[in-house]
C-alpha cells in the first residue's frame, strides 16, 4: 500500500523545526569507511 507523501503547511513547518540527525559512511578501498 503506497502512502501519499503530502504534508500540510503546518506539518511541513513542524517537521523542519524539529531536530534531525543523519550519518553517511563512504567506504574507501584499503581503508576503513569515512563516516560523518
PDB file of N, CA and C in Angstrom:
ATOM      1  N   UNK A   1       0.853  -1.178   0.000  1.00  0.00           N
ATOM      2  CA  UNK A   1       0.000   0.000   0.000  1.00  0.00           C
ATOM      3  C   UNK A   1       0.899   1.242   0.000  1.00  0.00           C
ATOM      4  N   UNK A   2       0.721   2.092  -0.949  1.00  0.00           N
ATOM      5  CA  UNK A   2       1.510   3.324  -1.053  1.00  0.00           C
ATOM      6  C   UNK A   2       0.936   4.385  -0.114  1.00  0.00           C
ATOM      7  N   UNK A   3       1.829   5.078   0.550  1.00  0.00           N
ATOM      8  CA  UNK A   3       1.427   6.162   1.449  1.00  0.00           C
ATOM      9  C   UNK A   3       1.719   7.480   0.745  1.00  0.00           C
ATOM     10  N   UNK A   4       0.734   8.356   0.627  1.00  0.00           N
ATOM     11  CA  UNK A   4       0.986   9.640  -0.031  1.00  0.00           C
ATOM     12  C   UNK A   4       1.999  10.466   0.764  1.00  0.00           C
ATOM     13  N   UNK A   5       2.919  11.100   0.044  1.00  0.00           N
ATOM     14  CA  UNK A   5       3.949  11.919   0.686  1.00  0.00           C
ATOM     15  C   UNK A   5       3.568  13.388   0.513  1.00  0.00           C
ATOM     16  N   UNK A   6       2.481  13.759   1.138  1.00  0.00           N
ATOM     17  CA  UNK A   6       1.993  15.133   1.060  1.00  0.00           C
ATOM     18  C   UNK A   6       1.826  15.644   2.483  1.00  0.00           C
ATOM     19  N   UNK A   7       2.386  16.808   2.756  1.00  0.00           N
ATOM     20  CA  UNK A   7       2.262  17.412   4.084  1.00  0.00           C
ATOM     21  C   UNK A   7       1.527  18.734   3.964  1.00  0.00           C
ATOM     22  N   UNK A   8       0.773  19.028   5.002  1.00  0.00           N
ATOM     23  CA  UNK A   8       0.169  20.357   5.055  1.00  0.00           C
ATOM     24  C   UNK A   8       1.278  21.343   5.408  1.00  0.00           C
ATOM     25  N   UNK A   9       1.003  22.615   5.259  1.00  0.00           N
ATOM     26  CA  UNK A   9       1.992  23.638   5.604  1.00  0.00           C
ATOM     27  C   UNK A   9       2.392  23.510   7.070  1.00  0.00           C
ATOM     28  N   UNK A  10       1.427  23.274   7.949  1.00  0.00           N
ATOM     29  CA  UNK A  10       1.711  23.142   9.377  1.00  0.00           C
ATOM     30  C   UNK A  10       2.573  21.914   9.659  1.00  0.00           C
ATOM     31  N   UNK A  11       2.273  20.775   9.007  1.00  0.00           N
ATOM     32  CA  UNK A  11       3.081  19.562   9.192  1.00  0.00           C
ATOM     33  C   UNK A  11       4.511  19.781   8.701  1.00  0.00           C
ATOM     34  N   UNK A  12       4.658  20.421   7.558  1.00  0.00           N
ATOM     35  CA  UNK A  12       5.987  20.688   6.981  1.00  0.00           C
ATOM     36  C   UNK A  12       6.801  21.600   7.899  1.00  0.00           C
ATOM     37  N   UNK A  13       6.189  22.661   8.409  1.00  0.00           N
ATOM     38  CA  UNK A  13       6.890  23.580   9.308  1.00  0.00           C
ATOM     39  C   UNK A  13       7.286  22.885  10.608  1.00  0.00           C
ATOM     40  N   UNK A  14       6.415  22.027  11.140  1.00  0.00           N
ATOM     41  CA  UNK A  14       6.736  21.283  12.361  1.00  0.00           C
ATOM     42  C   UNK A  14       7.894  20.322  12.102  1.00  0.00           C
ATOM     43  N   UNK A  15       7.889  19.651  10.959  1.00  0.00           N
ATOM     44  CA  UNK A  15       8.972  18.730  10.603  1.00  0.00           C
ATOM     45  C   UNK A  15      10.295  19.473  10.478  1.00  0.00           C
ATOM     46  N   UNK A  16      10.300  20.594   9.781  1.00  0.00           N
ATOM     47  CA  UNK A  16      11.533  21.352   9.566  1.00  0.00           C
ATOM     48  C   UNK A  16      12.046  22.002  10.850  1.00  0.00           C
ATOM     49  N   UNK A  17      11.165  22.284  11.800  1.00  0.00           N
ATOM     50  CA  UNK A  17      11.575  22.901  13.058  1.00  0.00           C
ATOM     51  C   UNK A  17      12.174  21.880  14.022  1.00  0.00           C
ATOM     52  N   UNK A  18      11.938  20.594  13.776  1.00  0.00           N
ATOM     53  CA  UNK A  18      12.442  19.532  14.641  1.00  0.00           C
ATOM     54  C   UNK A  18      13.924  19.280  14.400  1.00  0.00           C
ATOM     55  N   UNK A  19      14.585  18.646  15.371  1.00  0.00           N
ATOM     56  CA  UNK A  19      15.999  18.288  15.242  1.00  0.00           C
ATOM     57  C   UNK A  19      16.100  16.964  14.490  1.00  0.00           C
ATOM     58  N   UNK A  20      17.000  16.891  13.498  1.00  0.00           N
ATOM     59  CA  UNK A  20      17.217  15.669  12.727  1.00  0.00           C
ATOM     60  C   UNK A  20      18.705  15.346  12.723  1.00  0.00           C
ATOM     61  N   UNK A  21      19.023  14.060  12.725  1.00  0.00           N
ATOM     62  CA  UNK A  21      20.408  13.601  12.697  1.00  0.00           C
ATOM     63  C   UNK A  21      20.577  12.647  11.526  1.00  0.00           C
ATOM     64  N   UNK A  22      21.686  12.787  10.814  1.00  0.00           N
ATOM     65  CA  UNK A  22      21.973  11.890   9.692  1.00  0.00           C
ATOM     66  C   UNK A  22      23.419  11.427   9.791  1.00  0.00           C
ATOM     67  N   UNK A  23      23.670  10.223   9.299  1.00  0.00           N
ATOM     68  CA  UNK A  23      25.021   9.669   9.258  1.00  0.00           C
ATOM     69  C   UNK A  23      25.246   9.124   7.859  1.00  0.00           C
ATOM     70  N   UNK A  24      26.413   9.439   7.287  1.00  0.00           N
ATOM     71  CA  UNK A  24      26.773   8.889   5.984  1.00  0.00           C
ATOM     72  C   UNK A  24      28.135   8.225   6.134  1.00  0.00           C
ATOM     73  N   UNK A  25      28.283   7.059   5.531  1.00  0.00           N
ATOM     74  CA  UNK A  25      29.536   6.316   5.606  1.00  0.00           C
ATOM     75  C   UNK A  25      29.952   5.950   4.189  1.00  0.00           C
ATOM     76  N   UNK A  26      31.185   6.316   3.818  1.00  0.00           N
ATOM     77  CA  UNK A  26      31.684   6.075   2.466  1.00  0.00           C
ATOM     78  C   UNK A  26      32.902   5.160   2.554  1.00  0.00           C
ATOM     79  N   UNK A  27      32.787   3.936   2.006  1.00  0.00           N
ATOM     80  CA  UNK A  27      33.920   3.017   2.058  1.00  0.00           C
ATOM     81  C   UNK A  27      35.015   3.436   1.082  1.00  0.00           C
ATOM     82  N   UNK A  28      36.261   3.237   1.501  1.00  0.00           N
ATOM     83  CA  UNK A  28      37.404   3.514   0.630  1.00  0.00           C
ATOM     84  C   UNK A  28      38.264   2.263   0.576  1.00  0.00           C
ATOM     85  N   UNK A  29      38.665   1.879  -0.612  1.00  0.00           N
ATOM     86  CA  UNK A  29      39.471   0.682  -0.775  1.00  0.00           C
ATOM     87  C   UNK A  29      40.784   0.822  -0.006  1.00  0.00           C
ATOM     88  N   UNK A  30      41.114  -0.205   0.785  1.00  0.00           N
ATOM     89  CA  UNK A  30      42.348  -0.195   1.543  1.00  0.00           C
ATOM     90  C   UNK A  30      42.286   0.586   2.844  1.00  0.00           C
ATOM     91  N   UNK A  31      41.145   1.170   3.158  1.00  0.00           N
ATOM     92  CA  UNK A  31      40.980   1.952   4.386  1.00  0.00           C
ATOM     93  C   UNK A  31      39.612   1.637   4.978  1.00  0.00           C
ATOM     94  N   UNK A  32      39.446   2.062   6.187  1.00  0.00           N
ATOM     95  CA  UNK A  32      38.132   1.957   6.799  1.00  0.00           C
ATOM     96  C   UNK A  32      37.210   3.003   6.197  1.00  0.00           C
ATOM     97  N   UNK A  33      35.918   2.849   6.387  1.00  0.00           N
ATOM     98  CA  UNK A  33      34.987   3.831   5.833  1.00  0.00           C
ATOM     99  C   UNK A  33      35.110   5.183   6.526  1.00  0.00           C
ATOM    100  N   UNK A  34      34.886   6.233   5.774  1.00  0.00           N
ATOM    101  CA  UNK A  34      34.834   7.588   6.322  1.00  0.00           C
ATOM    102  C   UNK A  34      33.380   7.817   6.722  1.00  0.00           C
ATOM    103  N   UNK A  35      33.163   8.098   7.991  1.00  0.00           N
ATOM    104  CA  UNK A  35      31.805   8.281   8.491  1.00  0.00           C
ATOM    105  C   UNK A  35      31.682   9.652   9.132  1.00  0.00           C
ATOM    106  N   UNK A  36      30.673  10.396   8.715  1.00  0.00           N
ATOM    107  CA  UNK A  36      30.403  11.709   9.301  1.00  0.00           C
ATOM    108  C   UNK A  36      28.931  11.815   9.621  1.00  0.00           C
TER     109      UNK A  36
END
